[in-house]
């Protein structure tokens, strides 16, 4: 048993006047408490307590030791309470990692709203499209898209990230509007390479069947803003997340193509270094985010 625990037992023996009462508080036996107090006396080479049939009383040295032990035990309890309180509240520095486009368009407005509700939190936002090691980078929580590969991490499901096919009205006026997947294959594609990867688009038909279409690539980029700009400039048809296309769809700069055909959706997760002993600030952030990715969530984002 550690020294602090033994000191705590000594304090409670003095305050209760009984080894047996102290033992009940610590859910142990009277001989165990007696042994711990005797071990302290043996280590210090001094008698701390006088024992008799009526109970215990402090020696002169014991009284001095008791006063110091009270301070040590109280400080230790306060230290524990401070950590527990901090663990249960949203406060301190919170390091968040996410991808560039999703971070700028979605995470930034959401976290600014979060900060407004939790003034004791400060943020460190890191935007990376490449995979990052949360522990090595000191990230408290990352917002990631797609299937999770690392099962050692803690994770919470937040919602889905739906995609759409879009093109500018000018492009469709010049090249025609595709009516089916066979028509789509004749058009120029603008490809977000970080997710799509290749020229093959996988669509779900109105009947629930999956069809693959090999597209002719006009532009390929790992930057969604570049793909959106090319789409608005009439260079082809793009597949992109709805949160990226939503403003342009609302203003009519782009329109949806093959609305009755679905594209694969991505899962959105909050990921953190360990599923055990999750810090309070991370738990509070996740609870805040879990209410923000419902149906058509991209239309209800707060303004950054």
C-alpha atoms as a PDB file:
ATOM      1  CA  UNK A   1       0.000   0.000   0.000  1.00  0.00           C
ATOM      2  CA  UNK A   2       1.367   3.464  -0.841  1.00  0.00           C
ATOM      3  CA  UNK A   3       2.493   6.001   1.732  1.00  0.00           C
ATOM      4  CA  UNK A   4      -0.332   8.461   0.981  1.00  0.00           C
ATOM      5  CA  UNK A   5      -2.975   5.813   1.615  1.00  0.00           C
ATOM      6  CA  UNK A   6      -1.293   4.848   4.892  1.00  0.00           C
ATOM      7  CA  UNK A   7      -1.210   8.520   5.963  1.00  0.00           C
ATOM      8  CA  UNK A   8      -4.898   8.831   5.094  1.00  0.00           C
ATOM      9  CA  UNK A   9      -5.660   5.799   7.266  1.00  0.00           C
ATOM     10  CA  UNK A  10      -3.677   7.288  10.144  1.00  0.00           C
ATOM     11  CA  UNK A  11      -5.640  10.544   9.884  1.00  0.00           C
ATOM     12  CA  UNK A  12      -8.979   8.725   9.989  1.00  0.00           C
ATOM     13  CA  UNK A  13      -7.893   6.558  12.946  1.00  0.00           C
ATOM     14  CA  UNK A  14      -7.135   9.747  14.857  1.00  0.00           C
ATOM     15  CA  UNK A  15     -10.362  11.455  13.810  1.00  0.00           C
ATOM     16  CA  UNK A  16     -12.640   8.484  14.453  1.00  0.00           C
ATOM     17  CA  UNK A  17     -10.729   7.329  17.519  1.00  0.00           C
ATOM     18  CA  UNK A  18     -10.911   3.748  16.291  1.00  0.00           C
ATOM     19  CA  UNK A  19      -9.006   1.372  14.045  1.00  0.00           C
ATOM     20  CA  UNK A  20     -12.176  -0.565  13.267  1.00  0.00           C
ATOM     21  CA  UNK A  21     -14.157   2.542  12.238  1.00  0.00           C
ATOM     22  CA  UNK A  22     -11.330   3.640   9.962  1.00  0.00           C
ATOM     23  CA  UNK A  23     -11.200   0.140   8.473  1.00  0.00           C
ATOM     24  CA  UNK A  24     -14.896   0.290   7.588  1.00  0.00           C
ATOM     25  CA  UNK A  25     -14.385   3.610   5.771  1.00  0.00           C
ATOM     26  CA  UNK A  26     -11.624   2.097   3.655  1.00  0.00           C
ATOM     27  CA  UNK A  27     -13.540  -1.155   3.087  1.00  0.00           C
ATOM     28  CA  UNK A  28     -10.757  -3.182   4.626  1.00  0.00           C
ATOM     29  CA  UNK A  29     -10.005  -5.042   7.881  1.00  0.00           C
ATOM     30  CA  UNK A  30      -8.908  -3.673  11.245  1.00  0.00           C
ATOM     31  CA  UNK A  31      -5.618  -5.660  11.162  1.00  0.00           C
ATOM     32  CA  UNK A  32      -4.801  -4.050   7.794  1.00  0.00           C
ATOM     33  CA  UNK A  33      -5.216  -0.526   9.185  1.00  0.00           C
ATOM     34  CA  UNK A  34      -3.294  -1.440  12.340  1.00  0.00           C
ATOM     35  CA  UNK A  35      -0.468  -2.823  10.210  1.00  0.00           C
ATOM     36  CA  UNK A  36      -0.291   0.336   8.088  1.00  0.00           C
ATOM     37  CA  UNK A  37      -0.084   2.654  11.101  1.00  0.00           C
ATOM     38  CA  UNK A  38       2.525   0.396  12.691  1.00  0.00           C
ATOM     39  CA  UNK A  39       4.539   0.516   9.459  1.00  0.00           C
ATOM     40  CA  UNK A  40       4.567   4.333   9.622  1.00  0.00           C
ATOM     41  CA  UNK A  41       5.795   4.219  13.229  1.00  0.00           C
ATOM     42  CA  UNK A  42       8.449   1.689  12.308  1.00  0.00           C
ATOM     43  CA  UNK A  43       9.656   3.809   9.387  1.00  0.00           C
ATOM     44  CA  UNK A  44       9.783   6.977  11.529  1.00  0.00           C
ATOM     45  CA  UNK A  45      11.163   5.139  14.608  1.00  0.00           C
ATOM     46  CA  UNK A  46       8.630   6.876  16.843  1.00  0.00           C
ATOM     47  CA  UNK A  47       5.324   6.029  18.526  1.00  0.00           C
ATOM     48  CA  UNK A  48       2.451   8.085  17.082  1.00  0.00           C
ATOM     49  CA  UNK A  49      -0.498   6.618  18.967  1.00  0.00           C
ATOM     50  CA  UNK A  50      -1.147   5.401  22.470  1.00  0.00           C
ATOM     51  CA  UNK A  51      -3.424   2.362  22.356  1.00  0.00           C
ATOM     52  CA  UNK A  52      -5.628   1.174  25.197  1.00  0.00           C
ATOM     53  CA  UNK A  53      -8.975  -0.489  25.723  1.00  0.00           C
ATOM     54  CA  UNK A  54     -10.818   2.840  25.525  1.00  0.00           C
ATOM     55  CA  UNK A  55      -9.371   3.711  22.099  1.00  0.00           C
ATOM     56  CA  UNK A  56      -6.381   5.644  20.830  1.00  0.00           C
ATOM     57  CA  UNK A  57      -4.738   8.964  21.677  1.00  0.00           C
ATOM     58  CA  UNK A  58      -1.963  10.937  20.049  1.00  0.00           C
ATOM     59  CA  UNK A  59       1.540  11.143  21.401  1.00  0.00           C
ATOM     60  CA  UNK A  60       3.330  14.480  21.180  1.00  0.00           C
ATOM     61  CA  UNK A  61       5.083  13.375  18.003  1.00  0.00           C
ATOM     62  CA  UNK A  62       1.844  11.886  16.736  1.00  0.00           C
ATOM     63  CA  UNK A  63       0.051  15.221  17.125  1.00  0.00           C
ATOM     64  CA  UNK A  64       2.699  16.967  15.014  1.00  0.00           C
ATOM     65  CA  UNK A  65       2.556  14.224  12.381  1.00  0.00           C
ATOM     66  CA  UNK A  66      -1.249  14.296  12.337  1.00  0.00           C
ATOM     67  CA  UNK A  67      -1.372  18.039  11.574  1.00  0.00           C
ATOM     68  CA  UNK A  68       0.996  17.630   8.624  1.00  0.00           C
ATOM     69  CA  UNK A  69      -0.786  14.520   7.377  1.00  0.00           C
ATOM     70  CA  UNK A  70      -4.127  16.383   7.350  1.00  0.00           C
ATOM     71  CA  UNK A  71      -2.625  18.969   4.994  1.00  0.00           C
ATOM     72  CA  UNK A  72      -1.111  16.330   2.694  1.00  0.00           C
ATOM     73  CA  UNK A  73      -4.335  14.310   2.494  1.00  0.00           C
ATOM     74  CA  UNK A  74      -6.466  17.414   1.898  1.00  0.00           C
ATOM     75  CA  UNK A  75      -4.150  18.646  -0.859  1.00  0.00           C
ATOM     76  CA  UNK A  76      -4.201  15.218  -2.517  1.00  0.00           C
ATOM     77  CA  UNK A  77      -8.008  15.147  -2.427  1.00  0.00           C
ATOM     78  CA  UNK A  78      -8.186  18.655  -3.887  1.00  0.00           C
ATOM     79  CA  UNK A  79      -5.797  17.633  -6.659  1.00  0.00           C
ATOM     80  CA  UNK A  80      -8.036  14.668  -7.496  1.00  0.00           C
ATOM     81  CA  UNK A  81     -11.146  16.847  -7.431  1.00  0.00           C
ATOM     82  CA  UNK A  82      -9.604  19.444  -9.736  1.00  0.00           C
ATOM     83  CA  UNK A  83      -8.744  16.792 -12.318  1.00  0.00           C
ATOM     84  CA  UNK A  84     -12.177  15.157 -12.031  1.00  0.00           C
ATOM     85  CA  UNK A  85     -13.897  18.514 -12.435  1.00  0.00           C
ATOM     86  CA  UNK A  86     -11.762  19.380 -15.449  1.00  0.00           C
ATOM     87  CA  UNK A  87     -12.462  15.967 -16.921  1.00  0.00           C
ATOM     88  CA  UNK A  88     -16.210  16.585 -16.694  1.00  0.00           C
ATOM     89  CA  UNK A  89     -16.202  20.100 -18.149  1.00  0.00           C
ATOM     90  CA  UNK A  90     -15.371  21.776 -21.440  1.00  0.00           C
ATOM     91  CA  UNK A  91     -12.370  23.943 -20.686  1.00  0.00           C
ATOM     92  CA  UNK A  92      -8.762  24.342 -21.726  1.00  0.00           C
ATOM     93  CA  UNK A  93      -7.076  23.896 -25.097  1.00  0.00           C
ATOM     94  CA  UNK A  94      -8.814  21.585 -27.571  1.00  0.00           C
ATOM     95  CA  UNK A  95      -6.792  20.474 -30.606  1.00  0.00           C
ATOM     96  CA  UNK A  96      -8.999  19.516 -33.566  1.00  0.00           C
ATOM     97  CA  UNK A  97      -7.872  17.988 -36.847  1.00  0.00           C
ATOM     98  CA  UNK A  98      -9.823  17.628 -40.097  1.00  0.00           C
ATOM     99  CA  UNK A  99      -9.508  17.821 -43.881  1.00  0.00           C
ATOM    100  CA  UNK A 100      -9.015  21.157 -45.635  1.00  0.00           C
ATOM    101  CA  UNK A 101     -12.335  21.592 -47.462  1.00  0.00           C
ATOM    102  CA  UNK A 102     -14.530  20.071 -44.769  1.00  0.00           C
ATOM    103  CA  UNK A 103     -12.635  22.008 -42.139  1.00  0.00           C
ATOM    104  CA  UNK A 104     -13.015  25.380 -43.817  1.00  0.00           C
ATOM    105  CA  UNK A 105     -16.658  24.990 -44.882  1.00  0.00           C
ATOM    106  CA  UNK A 106     -18.095  22.892 -42.043  1.00  0.00           C
ATOM    107  CA  UNK A 107     -15.835  22.512 -39.004  1.00  0.00           C
ATOM    108  CA  UNK A 108     -14.927  26.203 -38.708  1.00  0.00           C
ATOM    109  CA  UNK A 109     -18.510  27.526 -38.416  1.00  0.00           C
ATOM    110  CA  UNK A 110     -19.486  24.686 -36.095  1.00  0.00           C
ATOM    111  CA  UNK A 111     -16.509  25.120 -33.770  1.00  0.00           C
ATOM    112  CA  UNK A 112     -16.953  28.892 -33.649  1.00  0.00           C
ATOM    113  CA  UNK A 113     -20.522  28.250 -32.523  1.00  0.00           C
ATOM    114  CA  UNK A 114     -19.194  25.727 -29.993  1.00  0.00           C
ATOM    115  CA  UNK A 115     -16.762  28.319 -28.608  1.00  0.00           C
ATOM    116  CA  UNK A 116     -19.589  30.804 -28.189  1.00  0.00           C
ATOM    117  CA  UNK A 117     -21.377  28.274 -25.957  1.00  0.00           C
ATOM    118  CA  UNK A 118     -18.202  27.263 -24.076  1.00  0.00           C
ATOM    119  CA  UNK A 119     -16.113  30.350 -23.290  1.00  0.00           C
ATOM    120  CA  UNK A 120     -13.589  28.345 -21.226  1.00  0.00           C
ATOM    121  CA  UNK A 121     -12.410  26.474 -24.346  1.00  0.00           C
ATOM    122  CA  UNK A 122      -9.662  27.600 -26.705  1.00  0.00           C
ATOM    123  CA  UNK A 123      -9.084  25.843 -30.037  1.00  0.00           C
ATOM    124  CA  UNK A 124      -6.143  24.786 -32.161  1.00  0.00           C
ATOM    125  CA  UNK A 125      -7.490  23.824 -35.623  1.00  0.00           C
ATOM    126  CA  UNK A 126      -5.307  21.747 -37.944  1.00  0.00           C
ATOM    127  CA  UNK A 127      -6.323  21.139 -41.573  1.00  0.00           C
ATOM    128  CA  UNK A 128      -4.646  18.234 -43.405  1.00  0.00           C
ATOM    129  CA  UNK A 129      -5.944  16.126 -46.296  1.00  0.00           C
ATOM    130  CA  UNK A 130      -3.360  13.436 -45.579  1.00  0.00           C
ATOM    131  CA  UNK A 131      -3.780  10.898 -42.769  1.00  0.00           C
ATOM    132  CA  UNK A 132      -2.455  12.169 -39.436  1.00  0.00           C
ATOM    133  CA  UNK A 133      -1.335  10.240 -36.357  1.00  0.00           C
ATOM    134  CA  UNK A 134      -3.466  11.695 -33.567  1.00  0.00           C
ATOM    135  CA  UNK A 135      -1.053  10.808 -30.789  1.00  0.00           C
ATOM    136  CA  UNK A 136       2.078  11.978 -32.618  1.00  0.00           C
ATOM    137  CA  UNK A 137       0.412  15.248 -33.659  1.00  0.00           C
ATOM    138  CA  UNK A 138      -1.185  15.867 -30.260  1.00  0.00           C
ATOM    139  CA  UNK A 139      -4.714  15.961 -31.720  1.00  0.00           C
ATOM    140  CA  UNK A 140      -7.531  15.628 -29.156  1.00  0.00           C
ATOM    141  CA  UNK A 141     -10.224  14.853 -31.726  1.00  0.00           C
ATOM    142  CA  UNK A 142     -10.296  14.541 -35.517  1.00  0.00           C
ATOM    143  CA  UNK A 143     -13.319  14.751 -37.802  1.00  0.00           C
ATOM    144  CA  UNK A 144     -12.898  12.107 -40.499  1.00  0.00           C
ATOM    145  CA  UNK A 145     -14.864  10.930 -43.507  1.00  0.00           C
ATOM    146  CA  UNK A 146     -15.383   7.384 -44.732  1.00  0.00           C
ATOM    147  CA  UNK A 147     -14.857   3.992 -43.138  1.00  0.00           C
ATOM    148  CA  UNK A 148     -12.558   3.863 -40.122  1.00  0.00           C
ATOM    149  CA  UNK A 149      -9.504   1.660 -40.453  1.00  0.00           C
ATOM    150  CA  UNK A 150      -7.784   2.005 -37.053  1.00  0.00           C
ATOM    151  CA  UNK A 151      -9.768   0.043 -34.476  1.00  0.00           C
ATOM    152  CA  UNK A 152      -7.539   1.156 -31.565  1.00  0.00           C
ATOM    153  CA  UNK A 153      -8.930   4.688 -31.719  1.00  0.00           C
ATOM    154  CA  UNK A 154     -12.045   5.916 -29.990  1.00  0.00           C
ATOM    155  CA  UNK A 155     -14.794   7.022 -32.390  1.00  0.00           C
ATOM    156  CA  UNK A 156     -18.319   8.410 -32.420  1.00  0.00           C
ATOM    157  CA  UNK A 157     -20.607   8.423 -35.455  1.00  0.00           C
ATOM    158  CA  UNK A 158     -21.802  11.936 -36.329  1.00  0.00           C
ATOM    159  CA  UNK A 159     -23.782  11.534 -39.556  1.00  0.00           C
ATOM    160  CA  UNK A 160     -23.512  11.048 -43.301  1.00  0.00           C
ATOM    161  CA  UNK A 161     -21.911  13.155 -46.009  1.00  0.00           C
ATOM    162  CA  UNK A 162     -24.008  12.848 -49.198  1.00  0.00           C
ATOM    163  CA  UNK A 163     -22.708  13.639 -52.693  1.00  0.00           C
ATOM    164  CA  UNK A 164     -24.301  14.996 -55.860  1.00  0.00           C
ATOM    165  CA  UNK A 165     -23.459  15.378 -59.548  1.00  0.00           C
ATOM    166  CA  UNK A 166     -23.558  18.996 -60.718  1.00  0.00           C
ATOM    167  CA  UNK A 167     -22.799  21.080 -63.796  1.00  0.00           C
ATOM    168  CA  UNK A 168     -23.269  24.697 -64.862  1.00  0.00           C
ATOM    169  CA  UNK A 169     -26.334  25.643 -66.919  1.00  0.00           C
ATOM    170  CA  UNK A 170     -23.986  26.922 -69.642  1.00  0.00           C
ATOM    171  CA  UNK A 171     -22.221  23.558 -69.907  1.00  0.00           C
ATOM    172  CA  UNK A 172     -25.487  21.644 -70.142  1.00  0.00           C
ATOM    173  CA  UNK A 173     -26.850  24.074 -72.732  1.00  0.00           C
ATOM    174  CA  UNK A 174     -23.802  23.481 -74.897  1.00  0.00           C
ATOM    175  CA  UNK A 175     -23.347  19.737 -74.358  1.00  0.00           C
ATOM    176  CA  UNK A 176     -26.822  18.527 -73.439  1.00  0.00           C
ATOM    177  CA  UNK A 177     -28.244  17.176 -70.193  1.00  0.00           C
ATOM    178  CA  UNK A 178     -27.591  13.466 -69.519  1.00  0.00           C
ATOM    179  CA  UNK A 179     -30.754  11.409 -69.044  1.00  0.00           C
ATOM    180  CA  UNK A 180     -29.129   8.146 -67.958  1.00  0.00           C
ATOM    181  CA  UNK A 181     -25.743   6.611 -67.192  1.00  0.00           C
ATOM    182  CA  UNK A 182     -25.036   5.915 -70.858  1.00  0.00           C
ATOM    183  CA  UNK A 183     -25.449   9.636 -71.605  1.00  0.00           C
ATOM    184  CA  UNK A 184     -23.271  10.529 -68.622  1.00  0.00           C
ATOM    185  CA  UNK A 185     -20.343   8.541 -70.016  1.00  0.00           C
ATOM    186  CA  UNK A 186     -20.164  10.878 -73.028  1.00  0.00           C
ATOM    187  CA  UNK A 187     -19.552  13.984 -70.885  1.00  0.00           C
ATOM    188  CA  UNK A 188     -16.375  15.567 -69.530  1.00  0.00           C
ATOM    189  CA  UNK A 189     -15.749  14.780 -65.864  1.00  0.00           C
ATOM    190  CA  UNK A 190     -14.215  16.987 -63.207  1.00  0.00           C
ATOM    191  CA  UNK A 191     -12.777  14.651 -60.590  1.00  0.00           C
ATOM    192  CA  UNK A 192     -11.973  15.165 -56.936  1.00  0.00           C
ATOM    193  CA  UNK A 193      -9.041  12.773 -56.779  1.00  0.00           C
ATOM    194  CA  UNK A 194      -8.709  12.516 -52.981  1.00  0.00           C
ATOM    195  CA  UNK A 195     -11.924  10.473 -52.778  1.00  0.00           C
ATOM    196  CA  UNK A 196     -12.918   9.306 -56.254  1.00  0.00           C
ATOM    197  CA  UNK A 197      -9.381   8.290 -57.115  1.00  0.00           C
ATOM    198  CA  UNK A 198     -10.085   7.119 -60.654  1.00  0.00           C
ATOM    199  CA  UNK A 199     -12.358   7.775 -63.632  1.00  0.00           C
ATOM    200  CA  UNK A 200     -15.003   5.239 -62.621  1.00  0.00           C
ATOM    201  CA  UNK A 201     -18.129   6.635 -60.968  1.00  0.00           C
ATOM    202  CA  UNK A 202     -20.422   4.268 -59.095  1.00  0.00           C
ATOM    203  CA  UNK A 203     -24.087   5.240 -59.146  1.00  0.00           C
ATOM    204  CA  UNK A 204     -27.218   3.796 -57.581  1.00  0.00           C
ATOM    205  CA  UNK A 205     -30.158   3.753 -59.992  1.00  0.00           C
ATOM    206  CA  UNK A 206     -33.755   4.571 -58.971  1.00  0.00           C
ATOM    207  CA  UNK A 207     -34.332   0.815 -58.863  1.00  0.00           C
ATOM    208  CA  UNK A 208     -31.556   0.340 -56.299  1.00  0.00           C
ATOM    209  CA  UNK A 209     -29.040  -1.233 -58.666  1.00  0.00           C
ATOM    210  CA  UNK A 210     -25.406  -0.160 -58.762  1.00  0.00           C
ATOM    211  CA  UNK A 211     -23.972   0.931 -62.102  1.00  0.00           C
ATOM    212  CA  UNK A 212     -20.416   1.951 -62.919  1.00  0.00           C
ATOM    213  CA  UNK A 213     -19.630   4.620 -65.470  1.00  0.00           C
ATOM    214  CA  UNK A 214     -16.168   5.259 -66.882  1.00  0.00           C
ATOM    215  CA  UNK A 215     -15.822   8.983 -67.370  1.00  0.00           C
ATOM    216  CA  UNK A 216     -13.629  11.022 -69.683  1.00  0.00           C
ATOM    217  CA  UNK A 217     -11.595  13.278 -67.366  1.00  0.00           C
ATOM    218  CA  UNK A 218     -11.260  16.957 -68.225  1.00  0.00           C
ATOM    219  CA  UNK A 219      -9.783  18.026 -64.897  1.00  0.00           C
ATOM    220  CA  UNK A 220      -8.544  16.166 -61.843  1.00  0.00           C
ATOM    221  CA  UNK A 221      -7.668  17.843 -58.524  1.00  0.00           C
ATOM    222  CA  UNK A 222      -7.266  16.993 -54.856  1.00  0.00           C
ATOM    223  CA  UNK A 223      -8.789  20.390 -54.011  1.00  0.00           C
ATOM    224  CA  UNK A 224     -12.579  20.677 -53.907  1.00  0.00           C
ATOM    225  CA  UNK A 225     -12.536  24.434 -54.422  1.00  0.00           C
ATOM    226  CA  UNK A 226     -10.693  23.922 -57.706  1.00  0.00           C
ATOM    227  CA  UNK A 227     -13.214  21.302 -58.822  1.00  0.00           C
ATOM    228  CA  UNK A 228     -16.123  23.587 -57.927  1.00  0.00           C
ATOM    229  CA  UNK A 229     -14.556  26.545 -59.753  1.00  0.00           C
ATOM    230  CA  UNK A 230     -14.079  24.434 -62.882  1.00  0.00           C
ATOM    231  CA  UNK A 231     -17.689  23.285 -62.653  1.00  0.00           C
ATOM    232  CA  UNK A 232     -19.038  26.818 -62.373  1.00  0.00           C
ATOM    233  CA  UNK A 233     -16.889  27.804 -65.347  1.00  0.00           C
ATOM    234  CA  UNK A 234     -18.598  25.227 -67.552  1.00  0.00           C
ATOM    235  CA  UNK A 235     -15.760  22.733 -67.953  1.00  0.00           C
ATOM    236  CA  UNK A 236     -17.731  19.578 -67.197  1.00  0.00           C
ATOM    237  CA  UNK A 237     -19.802  17.560 -64.739  1.00  0.00           C
ATOM    238  CA  UNK A 238     -18.478  17.050 -61.218  1.00  0.00           C
ATOM    239  CA  UNK A 239     -19.304  14.699 -58.375  1.00  0.00           C
ATOM    240  CA  UNK A 240     -18.800  16.428 -55.037  1.00  0.00           C
ATOM    241  CA  UNK A 241     -20.156  16.605 -51.483  1.00  0.00           C
ATOM    242  CA  UNK A 242     -23.411  18.503 -51.184  1.00  0.00           C
ATOM    243  CA  UNK A 243     -21.947  20.827 -48.568  1.00  0.00           C
ATOM    244  CA  UNK A 244     -19.484  22.053 -51.230  1.00  0.00           C
ATOM    245  CA  UNK A 245     -22.116  22.496 -53.939  1.00  0.00           C
ATOM    246  CA  UNK A 246     -24.968  23.852 -51.779  1.00  0.00           C
ATOM    247  CA  UNK A 247     -24.283  27.598 -52.152  1.00  0.00           C
ATOM    248  CA  UNK A 248     -23.745  27.310 -55.902  1.00  0.00           C
ATOM    249  CA  UNK A 249     -26.915  25.242 -56.242  1.00  0.00           C
ATOM    250  CA  UNK A 250     -28.856  27.861 -54.287  1.00  0.00           C
ATOM    251  CA  UNK A 251     -27.653  30.676 -56.564  1.00  0.00           C
ATOM    252  CA  UNK A 252     -28.128  28.687 -59.771  1.00  0.00           C
ATOM    253  CA  UNK A 253     -24.440  28.745 -60.720  1.00  0.00           C
ATOM    254  CA  UNK A 254     -24.676  24.955 -60.937  1.00  0.00           C
ATOM    255  CA  UNK A 255     -27.612  22.568 -61.219  1.00  0.00           C
ATOM    256  CA  UNK A 256     -27.968  18.960 -60.226  1.00  0.00           C
ATOM    257  CA  UNK A 257     -27.546  16.249 -62.865  1.00  0.00           C
ATOM    258  CA  UNK A 258     -29.298  12.859 -62.727  1.00  0.00           C
ATOM    259  CA  UNK A 259     -31.005  13.717 -59.447  1.00  0.00           C
ATOM    260  CA  UNK A 260     -32.665  10.297 -59.321  1.00  0.00           C
ATOM    261  CA  UNK A 261     -29.282   8.536 -59.304  1.00  0.00           C
ATOM    262  CA  UNK A 262     -27.440   8.358 -56.008  1.00  0.00           C
ATOM    263  CA  UNK A 263     -23.726   8.521 -55.264  1.00  0.00           C
ATOM    264  CA  UNK A 264     -22.075   6.682 -52.354  1.00  0.00           C
ATOM    265  CA  UNK A 265     -22.274   8.612 -49.081  1.00  0.00           C
ATOM    266  CA  UNK A 266     -19.426   8.956 -46.615  1.00  0.00           C
ATOM    267  CA  UNK A 267     -19.721   8.337 -42.894  1.00  0.00           C
ATOM    268  CA  UNK A 268     -18.639  11.223 -40.657  1.00  0.00           C
ATOM    269  CA  UNK A 269     -16.904  10.299 -37.401  1.00  0.00           C
ATOM    270  CA  UNK A 270     -15.297  12.097 -34.506  1.00  0.00           C
ATOM    271  CA  UNK A 271     -12.110  10.163 -33.767  1.00  0.00           C
ATOM    272  CA  UNK A 272      -9.917  10.459 -30.663  1.00  0.00           C
ATOM    273  CA  UNK A 273      -6.716   8.758 -29.454  1.00  0.00           C
ATOM    274  CA  UNK A 274      -8.262   6.255 -27.031  1.00  0.00           C
ATOM    275  CA  UNK A 275     -11.764   4.974 -26.216  1.00  0.00           C
ATOM    276  CA  UNK A 276     -10.874   5.019 -22.498  1.00  0.00           C
ATOM    277  CA  UNK A 277     -10.862   8.025 -20.151  1.00  0.00           C
ATOM    278  CA  UNK A 278     -12.017  10.454 -22.843  1.00  0.00           C
ATOM    279  CA  UNK A 279     -11.413  14.056 -21.660  1.00  0.00           C
ATOM    280  CA  UNK A 280     -14.497  16.057 -20.761  1.00  0.00           C
ATOM    281  CA  UNK A 281     -13.770  18.732 -23.363  1.00  0.00           C
ATOM    282  CA  UNK A 282     -13.746  16.051 -26.084  1.00  0.00           C
ATOM    283  CA  UNK A 283     -16.978  14.491 -24.822  1.00  0.00           C
ATOM    284  CA  UNK A 284     -18.717  17.869 -24.749  1.00  0.00           C
ATOM    285  CA  UNK A 285     -17.558  18.722 -28.294  1.00  0.00           C
ATOM    286  CA  UNK A 286     -18.747  15.360 -29.615  1.00  0.00           C
ATOM    287  CA  UNK A 287     -22.138  15.759 -27.953  1.00  0.00           C
ATOM    288  CA  UNK A 288     -22.396  19.192 -29.573  1.00  0.00           C
ATOM    289  CA  UNK A 289     -21.495  17.829 -33.026  1.00  0.00           C
ATOM    290  CA  UNK A 290     -23.791  14.809 -32.831  1.00  0.00           C
ATOM    291  CA  UNK A 291     -26.785  17.097 -33.054  1.00  0.00           C
ATOM    292  CA  UNK A 292     -25.514  18.947 -36.121  1.00  0.00           C
ATOM    293  CA  UNK A 293     -25.515  16.336 -38.911  1.00  0.00           C
ATOM    294  CA  UNK A 294     -29.173  15.510 -39.392  1.00  0.00           C
ATOM    295  CA  UNK A 295     -31.120  15.558 -42.685  1.00  0.00           C
ATOM    296  CA  UNK A 296     -29.865  18.282 -45.056  1.00  0.00           C
ATOM    297  CA  UNK A 297     -27.419  19.474 -42.395  1.00  0.00           C
ATOM    298  CA  UNK A 298     -25.394  21.434 -44.988  1.00  0.00           C
ATOM    299  CA  UNK A 299     -28.287  23.870 -45.298  1.00  0.00           C
ATOM    300  CA  UNK A 300     -28.347  24.707 -41.578  1.00  0.00           C
ATOM    301  CA  UNK A 301     -24.663  25.416 -40.893  1.00  0.00           C
ATOM    302  CA  UNK A 302     -24.032  28.533 -38.809  1.00  0.00           C
ATOM    303  CA  UNK A 303     -22.331  31.378 -40.665  1.00  0.00           C
ATOM    304  CA  UNK A 304     -18.614  31.705 -40.023  1.00  0.00           C
END
